[in-house]
């Protein structure tokens, strides 16, 4: 991928939506929820603090993360869908 996020931004490849429930019920497309889990594919340089120091990101490429349901901006590159979000939008690393 040839996109490099700036500052404290992160590019995440969202996980596929669940096709069926644990009990085996198939979920129709209209009832599927947006995934809130994904894999980090690119990380920016980090955020500059008020004192001028560069704060390195806490996530790295390859991490599986949880993020808010409406976090980030959806983009499509080479037919693949990604989300660009701030590192602060990431809730946890799995």
PDB file of N, CA and C in Angstrom:
ATOM      1  N   UNK A   1       0.850  -1.173   0.000  1.00  0.00           N
ATOM      2  CA  UNK A   1       0.000   0.000   0.000  1.00  0.00           C
ATOM      3  C   UNK A   1       0.900   1.241   0.000  1.00  0.00           C
ATOM      4  N   UNK A   2       0.559   2.216  -0.789  1.00  0.00           N
ATOM      5  CA  UNK A   2       1.410   3.385  -0.941  1.00  0.00           C
ATOM      6  C   UNK A   2       0.857   4.629  -0.249  1.00  0.00           C
ATOM      7  N   UNK A   3       0.038   4.479   0.761  1.00  0.00           N
ATOM      8  CA  UNK A   3      -0.500   5.617   1.517  1.00  0.00           C
ATOM      9  C   UNK A   3       0.217   5.672   2.855  1.00  0.00           C
ATOM     10  N   UNK A   4       0.720   6.850   3.212  1.00  0.00           N
ATOM     11  CA  UNK A   4       1.383   7.053   4.494  1.00  0.00           C
ATOM     12  C   UNK A   4       0.576   8.072   5.281  1.00  0.00           C
ATOM     13  N   UNK A   5      -0.004   7.667   6.409  1.00  0.00           N
ATOM     14  CA  UNK A   5      -0.786   8.609   7.209  1.00  0.00           C
ATOM     15  C   UNK A   5       0.112   9.657   7.874  1.00  0.00           C
ATOM     16  N   UNK A   6      -0.432  10.837   8.094  1.00  0.00           N
ATOM     17  CA  UNK A   6       0.307  11.931   8.710  1.00  0.00           C
ATOM     18  C   UNK A   6       0.035  12.000  10.204  1.00  0.00           C
ATOM     19  N   UNK A   7       0.982  12.565  10.933  1.00  0.00           N
ATOM     20  CA  UNK A   7       0.872  12.844  12.372  1.00  0.00           C
ATOM     21  C   UNK A   7       0.438  11.602  13.147  1.00  0.00           C
ATOM     22  N   UNK A   8      -0.652  11.710  13.909  1.00  0.00           N
ATOM     23  CA  UNK A   8      -1.089  10.593  14.756  1.00  0.00           C
ATOM     24  C   UNK A   8      -2.201   9.778  14.106  1.00  0.00           C
ATOM     25  N   UNK A   9      -2.275   9.804  12.791  1.00  0.00           N
ATOM     26  CA  UNK A   9      -3.312   9.049  12.087  1.00  0.00           C
ATOM     27  C   UNK A   9      -2.861   7.610  11.854  1.00  0.00           C
ATOM     28  N   UNK A  10      -3.843   6.709  11.752  1.00  0.00           N
ATOM     29  CA  UNK A  10      -3.607   5.279  11.577  1.00  0.00           C
ATOM     30  C   UNK A  10      -4.538   4.788  10.483  1.00  0.00           C
ATOM     31  N   UNK A  11      -4.069   3.877   9.637  1.00  0.00           N
ATOM     32  CA  UNK A  11      -4.925   3.257   8.627  1.00  0.00           C
ATOM     33  C   UNK A  11      -5.226   1.835   9.085  1.00  0.00           C
ATOM     34  N   UNK A  12      -6.523   1.507   9.130  1.00  0.00           N
ATOM     35  CA  UNK A  12      -6.990   0.218   9.628  1.00  0.00           C
ATOM     36  C   UNK A  12      -7.793  -0.486   8.544  1.00  0.00           C
ATOM     37  N   UNK A  13      -7.520  -1.782   8.361  1.00  0.00           N
ATOM     38  CA  UNK A  13      -8.329  -2.620   7.473  1.00  0.00           C
ATOM     39  C   UNK A  13      -9.399  -3.277   8.342  1.00  0.00           C
ATOM     40  N   UNK A  14     -10.678  -2.900   8.177  1.00  0.00           N
ATOM     41  CA  UNK A  14     -11.724  -3.468   9.029  1.00  0.00           C
ATOM     42  C   UNK A  14     -11.912  -4.961   8.785  1.00  0.00           C
ATOM     43  N   UNK A  15     -12.244  -5.669   9.857  1.00  0.00           N
ATOM     44  CA  UNK A  15     -12.536  -7.101   9.751  1.00  0.00           C
ATOM     45  C   UNK A  15     -13.864  -7.296   9.038  1.00  0.00           C
ATOM     46  N   UNK A  16     -14.051  -8.453   8.469  1.00  0.00           N
ATOM     47  CA  UNK A  16     -15.306  -8.764   7.772  1.00  0.00           C
ATOM     48  C   UNK A  16     -16.453  -8.838   8.775  1.00  0.00           C
ATOM     49  N   UNK A  17     -17.633  -8.419   8.348  1.00  0.00           N
ATOM     50  CA  UNK A  17     -18.820  -8.481   9.207  1.00  0.00           C
ATOM     51  C   UNK A  17     -19.230  -9.930   9.419  1.00  0.00           C
ATOM     52  N   UNK A  18     -19.821 -10.205  10.566  1.00  0.00           N
ATOM     53  CA  UNK A  18     -20.270 -11.560  10.888  1.00  0.00           C
ATOM     54  C   UNK A  18     -21.355 -12.012   9.919  1.00  0.00           C
ATOM     55  N   UNK A  19     -21.213 -13.216   9.391  1.00  0.00           N
ATOM     56  CA  UNK A  19     -22.195 -13.772   8.451  1.00  0.00           C
ATOM     57  C   UNK A  19     -23.340 -14.482   9.175  1.00  0.00           C
ATOM     58  N   UNK A  20     -23.029 -15.097  10.327  1.00  0.00           N
ATOM     59  CA  UNK A  20     -24.072 -15.774  11.093  1.00  0.00           C
ATOM     60  C   UNK A  20     -23.771 -15.695  12.572  1.00  0.00           C
ATOM     61  N   UNK A  21     -24.806 -15.883  13.381  1.00  0.00           N
ATOM     62  CA  UNK A  21     -24.651 -15.803  14.829  1.00  0.00           C
ATOM     63  C   UNK A  21     -24.021 -17.084  15.352  1.00  0.00           C
ATOM     64  N   UNK A  22     -23.680 -17.080  16.634  1.00  0.00           N
ATOM     65  CA  UNK A  22     -23.082 -18.271  17.252  1.00  0.00           C
ATOM     66  C   UNK A  22     -24.039 -19.453  17.226  1.00  0.00           C
ATOM     67  N   UNK A  23     -25.348 -19.170  17.241  1.00  0.00           N
ATOM     68  CA  UNK A  23     -26.332 -20.252  17.220  1.00  0.00           C
ATOM     69  C   UNK A  23     -26.631 -20.742  15.810  1.00  0.00           C
ATOM     70  N   UNK A  24     -26.020 -20.108  14.773  1.00  0.00           N
ATOM     71  CA  UNK A  24     -26.178 -20.593  13.410  1.00  0.00           C
ATOM     72  C   UNK A  24     -27.173 -19.839  12.553  1.00  0.00           C
ATOM     73  N   UNK A  25     -27.779 -18.781  13.084  1.00  0.00           N
ATOM     74  CA  UNK A  25     -28.737 -17.999  12.308  1.00  0.00           C
ATOM     75  C   UNK A  25     -27.970 -17.101  11.342  1.00  0.00           C
ATOM     76  N   UNK A  26     -28.328 -17.136  10.065  1.00  0.00           N
ATOM     77  CA  UNK A  26     -27.661 -16.326   9.050  1.00  0.00           C
ATOM     78  C   UNK A  26     -28.197 -14.905   9.125  1.00  0.00           C
ATOM     79  N   UNK A  27     -27.277 -13.939   9.151  1.00  0.00           N
ATOM     80  CA  UNK A  27     -27.644 -12.527   9.268  1.00  0.00           C
ATOM     81  C   UNK A  27     -27.768 -11.928   7.868  1.00  0.00           C
ATOM     82  N   UNK A  28     -28.927 -11.325   7.525  1.00  0.00           N
ATOM     83  CA  UNK A  28     -29.058 -10.686   6.210  1.00  0.00           C
ATOM     84  C   UNK A  28     -28.206  -9.417   6.128  1.00  0.00           C
ATOM     85  N   UNK A  29     -27.890  -8.987   4.916  1.00  0.00           N
ATOM     86  CA  UNK A  29     -27.035  -7.815   4.713  1.00  0.00           C
ATOM     87  C   UNK A  29     -27.601  -6.558   5.371  1.00  0.00           C
ATOM     88  N   UNK A  30     -28.904  -6.412   5.395  1.00  0.00           N
ATOM     89  CA  UNK A  30     -29.511  -5.213   5.961  1.00  0.00           C
ATOM     90  C   UNK A  30     -29.385  -5.154   7.483  1.00  0.00           C
ATOM     91  N   UNK A  31     -29.168  -6.282   8.142  1.00  0.00           N
ATOM     92  CA  UNK A  31     -29.086  -6.321   9.595  1.00  0.00           C
ATOM     93  C   UNK A  31     -27.657  -6.382  10.120  1.00  0.00           C
ATOM     94  N   UNK A  32     -26.678  -6.467   9.228  1.00  0.00           N
ATOM     95  CA  UNK A  32     -25.284  -6.559   9.668  1.00  0.00           C
ATOM     96  C   UNK A  32     -24.819  -5.217  10.234  1.00  0.00           C
ATOM     97  N   UNK A  33     -24.060  -5.289  11.309  1.00  0.00           N
ATOM     98  CA  UNK A  33     -23.491  -4.090  11.905  1.00  0.00           C
ATOM     99  C   UNK A  33     -22.091  -3.863  11.355  1.00  0.00           C
ATOM    100  N   UNK A  34     -21.655  -2.592  11.389  1.00  0.00           N
ATOM    101  CA  UNK A  34     -20.298  -2.283  10.966  1.00  0.00           C
ATOM    102  C   UNK A  34     -19.325  -2.957  11.930  1.00  0.00           C
ATOM    103  N   UNK A  35     -18.248  -3.542  11.410  1.00  0.00           N
ATOM    104  CA  UNK A  35     -17.272  -4.148  12.315  1.00  0.00           C
ATOM    105  C   UNK A  35     -16.576  -3.076  13.155  1.00  0.00           C
ATOM    106  N   UNK A  36     -16.209  -3.431  14.373  1.00  0.00           N
ATOM    107  CA  UNK A  36     -15.517  -2.518  15.266  1.00  0.00           C
ATOM    108  C   UNK A  36     -14.121  -3.045  15.578  1.00  0.00           C
ATOM    109  N   UNK A  37     -13.633  -3.922  14.727  1.00  0.00           N
ATOM    110  CA  UNK A  37     -12.338  -4.549  14.903  1.00  0.00           C
ATOM    111  C   UNK A  37     -11.608  -4.506  13.573  1.00  0.00           C
ATOM    112  N   UNK A  38     -10.304  -4.362  13.614  1.00  0.00           N
ATOM    113  CA  UNK A  38      -9.541  -4.346  12.382  1.00  0.00           C
ATOM    114  C   UNK A  38      -8.058  -4.487  12.637  1.00  0.00           C
ATOM    115  N   UNK A  39      -7.307  -4.552  11.545  1.00  0.00           N
ATOM    116  CA  UNK A  39      -5.857  -4.695  11.629  1.00  0.00           C
ATOM    117  C   UNK A  39      -5.195  -3.410  11.145  1.00  0.00           C
ATOM    118  N   UNK A  40      -4.221  -2.930  11.888  1.00  0.00           N
ATOM    119  CA  UNK A  40      -3.485  -1.719  11.531  1.00  0.00           C
ATOM    120  C   UNK A  40      -2.565  -2.048  10.356  1.00  0.00           C
ATOM    121  N   UNK A  41      -2.671  -1.278   9.264  1.00  0.00           N
ATOM    122  CA  UNK A  41      -1.835  -1.514   8.088  1.00  0.00           C
ATOM    123  C   UNK A  41      -0.804  -0.410   7.874  1.00  0.00           C
ATOM    124  N   UNK A  42      -0.991   0.767   8.488  1.00  0.00           N
ATOM    125  CA  UNK A  42      -0.012   1.854   8.383  1.00  0.00           C
ATOM    126  C   UNK A  42      -0.187   2.799   9.573  1.00  0.00           C
ATOM    127  N   UNK A  43       0.928   3.371  10.025  1.00  0.00           N
ATOM    128  CA  UNK A  43       0.919   4.258  11.187  1.00  0.00           C
ATOM    129  C   UNK A  43       1.717   5.507  10.855  1.00  0.00           C
ATOM    130  N   UNK A  44       1.217   6.668  11.283  1.00  0.00           N
ATOM    131  CA  UNK A  44       1.926   7.925  11.076  1.00  0.00           C
ATOM    132  C   UNK A  44       3.130   8.065  12.003  1.00  0.00           C
ATOM    133  N   UNK A  45       3.844   9.172  11.865  1.00  0.00           N
ATOM    134  CA  UNK A  45       5.060   9.423  12.650  1.00  0.00           C
ATOM    135  C   UNK A  45       4.772   9.635  14.129  1.00  0.00           C
ATOM    136  N   UNK A  46       3.629  10.186  14.456  1.00  0.00           N
ATOM    137  CA  UNK A  46       3.287  10.475  15.844  1.00  0.00           C
ATOM    138  C   UNK A  46       2.837  11.912  15.995  1.00  0.00           C
ATOM    139  N   UNK A  47       2.422  12.248  17.184  1.00  0.00           N
ATOM    140  CA  UNK A  47       1.878  13.571  17.475  1.00  0.00           C
ATOM    141  C   UNK A  47       2.955  14.420  18.149  1.00  0.00           C
ATOM    142  N   UNK A  48       2.975  15.707  17.845  1.00  0.00           N
ATOM    143  CA  UNK A  48       3.919  16.630  18.479  1.00  0.00           C
ATOM    144  C   UNK A  48       3.238  17.224  19.710  1.00  0.00           C
ATOM    145  N   UNK A  49       3.895  17.097  20.870  1.00  0.00           N
ATOM    146  CA  UNK A  49       3.326  17.616  22.110  1.00  0.00           C
ATOM    147  C   UNK A  49       3.439  19.135  22.151  1.00  0.00           C
ATOM    148  N   UNK A  50       2.832  19.747  23.161  1.00  0.00           N
ATOM    149  CA  UNK A  50       2.885  21.196  23.316  1.00  0.00           C
ATOM    150  C   UNK A  50       4.310  21.688  23.579  1.00  0.00           C
ATOM    151  N   UNK A  51       5.156  20.823  24.128  1.00  0.00           N
ATOM    152  CA  UNK A  51       6.546  21.181  24.384  1.00  0.00           C
ATOM    153  C   UNK A  51       7.421  20.993  23.142  1.00  0.00           C
ATOM    154  N   UNK A  52       6.858  20.446  22.077  1.00  0.00           N
ATOM    155  CA  UNK A  52       7.605  20.263  20.838  1.00  0.00           C
ATOM    156  C   UNK A  52       8.220  18.892  20.668  1.00  0.00           C
ATOM    157  N   UNK A  53       8.008  17.999  21.613  1.00  0.00           N
ATOM    158  CA  UNK A  53       8.567  16.643  21.520  1.00  0.00           C
ATOM    159  C   UNK A  53       7.633  15.755  20.697  1.00  0.00           C
ATOM    160  N   UNK A  54       8.223  14.854  19.935  1.00  0.00           N
ATOM    161  CA  UNK A  54       7.439  13.912  19.133  1.00  0.00           C
ATOM    162  C   UNK A  54       7.036  12.723  19.991  1.00  0.00           C
ATOM    163  N   UNK A  55       5.724  12.481  20.113  1.00  0.00           N
ATOM    164  CA  UNK A  55       5.213  11.341  20.880  1.00  0.00           C
ATOM    165  C   UNK A  55       4.932  10.205  19.909  1.00  0.00           C
ATOM    166  N   UNK A  56       5.667   9.117  20.040  1.00  0.00           N
ATOM    167  CA  UNK A  56       5.520   7.967  19.149  1.00  0.00           C
ATOM    168  C   UNK A  56       4.155   7.311  19.348  1.00  0.00           C
ATOM    169  N   UNK A  57       3.573   6.727  18.286  1.00  0.00           N
ATOM    170  CA  UNK A  57       2.286   6.031  18.423  1.00  0.00           C
ATOM    171  C   UNK A  57       2.415   4.780  19.293  1.00  0.00           C
ATOM    172  N   UNK A  58       1.333   4.423  19.965  1.00  0.00           N
ATOM    173  CA  UNK A  58       1.319   3.234  20.813  1.00  0.00           C
ATOM    174  C   UNK A  58       0.958   1.977  20.042  1.00  0.00           C
ATOM    175  N   UNK A  59       0.419   2.118  18.841  1.00  0.00           N
ATOM    176  CA  UNK A  59       0.078   0.956  18.015  1.00  0.00           C
ATOM    177  C   UNK A  59       1.124   0.803  16.923  1.00  0.00           C
ATOM    178  N   UNK A  60       1.224  -0.404  16.396  1.00  0.00           N
ATOM    179  CA  UNK A  60       2.165  -0.645  15.303  1.00  0.00           C
ATOM    180  C   UNK A  60       1.475  -1.462  14.220  1.00  0.00           C
ATOM    181  N   UNK A  61       2.099  -1.529  13.069  1.00  0.00           N
ATOM    182  CA  UNK A  61       1.547  -2.265  11.937  1.00  0.00           C
ATOM    183  C   UNK A  61       1.384  -3.728  12.327  1.00  0.00           C
ATOM    184  N   UNK A  62       0.219  -4.290  12.009  1.00  0.00           N
ATOM    185  CA  UNK A  62      -0.064  -5.687  12.327  1.00  0.00           C
ATOM    186  C   UNK A  62      -0.890  -5.883  13.581  1.00  0.00           C
ATOM    187  N   UNK A  63      -1.040  -4.845  14.411  1.00  0.00           N
ATOM    188  CA  UNK A  63      -1.858  -4.948  15.626  1.00  0.00           C
ATOM    189  C   UNK A  63      -3.330  -5.081  15.261  1.00  0.00           C
ATOM    190  N   UNK A  64      -4.048  -5.900  16.008  1.00  0.00           N
ATOM    191  CA  UNK A  64      -5.505  -5.980  15.884  1.00  0.00           C
ATOM    192  C   UNK A  64      -6.092  -5.052  16.930  1.00  0.00           C
ATOM    193  N   UNK A  65      -6.959  -4.136  16.491  1.00  0.00           N
ATOM    194  CA  UNK A  65      -7.469  -3.096  17.382  1.00  0.00           C
ATOM    195  C   UNK A  65      -8.995  -3.061  17.380  1.00  0.00           C
ATOM    196  N   UNK A  66      -9.533  -2.502  18.461  1.00  0.00           N
ATOM    197  CA  UNK A  66     -10.962  -2.208  18.569  1.00  0.00           C
ATOM    198  C   UNK A  66     -11.125  -0.702  18.485  1.00  0.00           C
ATOM    199  N   UNK A  67     -12.136  -0.245  17.752  1.00  0.00           N
ATOM    200  CA  UNK A  67     -12.374   1.183  17.593  1.00  0.00           C
ATOM    201  C   UNK A  67     -13.862   1.453  17.678  1.00  0.00           C
ATOM    202  N   UNK A  68     -14.222   2.723  17.843  1.00  0.00           N
ATOM    203  CA  UNK A  68     -15.623   3.123  17.957  1.00  0.00           C
ATOM    204  C   UNK A  68     -16.401   2.838  16.684  1.00  0.00           C
ATOM    205  N   UNK A  69     -17.699   2.659  16.820  1.00  0.00           N
ATOM    206  CA  UNK A  69     -18.555   2.282  15.697  1.00  0.00           C
ATOM    207  C   UNK A  69     -18.514   3.306  14.560  1.00  0.00           C
ATOM    208  N   UNK A  70     -18.423   4.573  14.876  1.00  0.00           N
ATOM    209  CA  UNK A  70     -18.443   5.609  13.844  1.00  0.00           C
ATOM    210  C   UNK A  70     -17.098   6.320  13.719  1.00  0.00           C
ATOM    211  N   UNK A  71     -16.026   5.677  14.136  1.00  0.00           N
ATOM    212  CA  UNK A  71     -14.690   6.278  14.093  1.00  0.00           C
ATOM    213  C   UNK A  71     -14.118   6.231  12.682  1.00  0.00           C
ATOM    214  N   UNK A  72     -13.343   7.234  12.352  1.00  0.00           N
ATOM    215  CA  UNK A  72     -12.577   7.220  11.121  1.00  0.00           C
ATOM    216  C   UNK A  72     -13.334   7.640   9.875  1.00  0.00           C
ATOM    217  N   UNK A  73     -12.557   7.760   8.800  1.00  0.00           N
ATOM    218  CA  UNK A  73     -13.071   8.104   7.485  1.00  0.00           C
ATOM    219  C   UNK A  73     -12.829   6.927   6.554  1.00  0.00           C
ATOM    220  N   UNK A  74     -13.875   6.489   5.863  1.00  0.00           N
ATOM    221  CA  UNK A  74     -13.750   5.336   4.974  1.00  0.00           C
ATOM    222  C   UNK A  74     -13.098   5.752   3.661  1.00  0.00           C
ATOM    223  N   UNK A  75     -12.108   4.964   3.219  1.00  0.00           N
ATOM    224  CA  UNK A  75     -11.468   5.190   1.922  1.00  0.00           C
ATOM    225  C   UNK A  75     -11.362   3.849   1.207  1.00  0.00           C
ATOM    226  N   UNK A  76     -11.172   3.897  -0.100  1.00  0.00           N
ATOM    227  CA  UNK A  76     -10.987   2.689  -0.899  1.00  0.00           C
ATOM    228  C   UNK A  76      -9.720   2.869  -1.733  1.00  0.00           C
ATOM    229  N   UNK A  77      -8.783   1.927  -1.595  1.00  0.00           N
ATOM    230  CA  UNK A  77      -7.518   1.973  -2.322  1.00  0.00           C
ATOM    231  C   UNK A  77      -7.326   0.625  -3.007  1.00  0.00           C
ATOM    232  N   UNK A  78      -7.168   0.652  -4.322  1.00  0.00           N
ATOM    233  CA  UNK A  78      -6.953  -0.571  -5.107  1.00  0.00           C
ATOM    234  C   UNK A  78      -8.051  -1.616  -4.856  1.00  0.00           C
ATOM    235  N   UNK A  79      -9.274  -1.163  -4.662  1.00  0.00           N
ATOM    236  CA  UNK A  79     -10.398  -2.066  -4.461  1.00  0.00           C
ATOM    237  C   UNK A  79     -10.560  -2.572  -3.041  1.00  0.00           C
ATOM    238  N   UNK A  80      -9.687  -2.168  -2.121  1.00  0.00           N
ATOM    239  CA  UNK A  80      -9.783  -2.574  -0.716  1.00  0.00           C
ATOM    240  C   UNK A  80     -10.282  -1.397   0.112  1.00  0.00           C
ATOM    241  N   UNK A  81     -11.122  -1.694   1.106  1.00  0.00           N
ATOM    242  CA  UNK A  81     -11.666  -0.653   1.972  1.00  0.00           C
ATOM    243  C   UNK A  81     -10.815  -0.510   3.228  1.00  0.00           C
ATOM    244  N   UNK A  82     -10.560   0.742   3.613  1.00  0.00           N
ATOM    245  CA  UNK A  82      -9.768   1.053   4.799  1.00  0.00           C
ATOM    246  C   UNK A  82     -10.442   2.170   5.564  1.00  0.00           C
ATOM    247  N   UNK A  83     -10.014   2.363   6.807  1.00  0.00           N
ATOM    248  CA  UNK A  83     -10.434   3.487   7.634  1.00  0.00           C
ATOM    249  C   UNK A  83      -9.201   4.272   8.033  1.00  0.00           C
ATOM    250  N   UNK A  84      -9.259   5.601   7.900  1.00  0.00           N
ATOM    251  CA  UNK A  84      -8.213   6.464   8.432  1.00  0.00           C
ATOM    252  C   UNK A  84      -8.778   7.097   9.689  1.00  0.00           C
ATOM    253  N   UNK A  85      -8.064   6.949  10.806  1.00  0.00           N
ATOM    254  CA  UNK A  85      -8.546   7.496  12.075  1.00  0.00           C
ATOM    255  C   UNK A  85      -7.371   7.989  12.908  1.00  0.00           C
ATOM    256  N   UNK A  86      -7.678   8.823  13.867  1.00  0.00           N
ATOM    257  CA  UNK A  86      -6.657   9.253  14.823  1.00  0.00           C
ATOM    258  C   UNK A  86      -6.372   8.100  15.782  1.00  0.00           C
ATOM    259  N   UNK A  87      -5.177   8.089  16.308  1.00  0.00           N
ATOM    260  CA  UNK A  87      -4.826   7.041  17.265  1.00  0.00           C
ATOM    261  C   UNK A  87      -5.734   7.098  18.493  1.00  0.00           C
ATOM    262  N   UNK A  88      -6.209   8.279  18.853  1.00  0.00           N
ATOM    263  CA  UNK A  88      -7.093   8.419  20.015  1.00  0.00           C
ATOM    264  C   UNK A  88      -8.463   7.776  19.788  1.00  0.00           C
ATOM    265  N   UNK A  89      -8.851   7.502  18.525  1.00  0.00           N
ATOM    266  CA  UNK A  89     -10.111   6.824  18.230  1.00  0.00           C
ATOM    267  C   UNK A  89     -10.039   5.326  18.499  1.00  0.00           C
ATOM    268  N   UNK A  90      -8.825   4.800  18.658  1.00  0.00           N
ATOM    269  CA  UNK A  90      -8.643   3.370  18.930  1.00  0.00           C
ATOM    270  C   UNK A  90      -8.876   3.144  20.416  1.00  0.00           C
ATOM    271  N   UNK A  91      -9.751   2.186  20.739  1.00  0.00           N
ATOM    272  CA  UNK A  91     -10.125   1.938  22.128  1.00  0.00           C
ATOM    273  C   UNK A  91      -9.211   0.934  22.815  1.00  0.00           C
ATOM    274  N   UNK A  92      -8.744  -0.099  22.067  1.00  0.00           N
ATOM    275  CA  UNK A  92      -7.921  -1.142  22.681  1.00  0.00           C
ATOM    276  C   UNK A  92      -7.147  -1.900  21.627  1.00  0.00           C
ATOM    277  N   UNK A  93      -6.043  -2.513  22.053  1.00  0.00           N
ATOM    278  CA  UNK A  93      -5.262  -3.409  21.203  1.00  0.00           C
ATOM    279  C   UNK A  93      -5.516  -4.819  21.712  1.00  0.00           C
ATOM    280  N   UNK A  94      -5.849  -5.729  20.796  1.00  0.00           N
ATOM    281  CA  UNK A  94      -6.127  -7.113  21.199  1.00  0.00           C
ATOM    282  C   UNK A  94      -4.872  -7.957  21.115  1.00  0.00           C
TER     283      UNK A  94
END
